[in-house]
Amino acid sequence: MTQVTAQVGTLLARMKGEMTRQAMQDAVGLAHREHFRKTYLAPALEQGVIEMTLPDKPDSRSQRYRLTSLGQRWLKTALSLKHPRASGNP
């Protein structure tokens, strides 16, 4: 499984479809934009677990972010580890 920081993991768990930076920041409960950018957004983009919907226009007001296939796989794996299905073995 791809290693991500706790902050990036929190962000991935709270992503819902395509989201603005502000919506993502609100979802993780942060008010300070620069802290969010450095601690959550930039690492997630660098690790390839989220992507911009308008990569050629990173500063566009219409910019949104979404999980990549890698981010979706990470989230699915993380959730399965957190809530393993009951097995027949004691």
Foldseek 3Di string as FASTA:
>chain_A
DDDDDPQQLQLLVQDDAWADLVVSCVSSPHDDSVCCCVPHVVRCVVSQQKDWPCVVCVPDPPIIMDGDVVVVVVNVVVVCVVPPDDDPDD
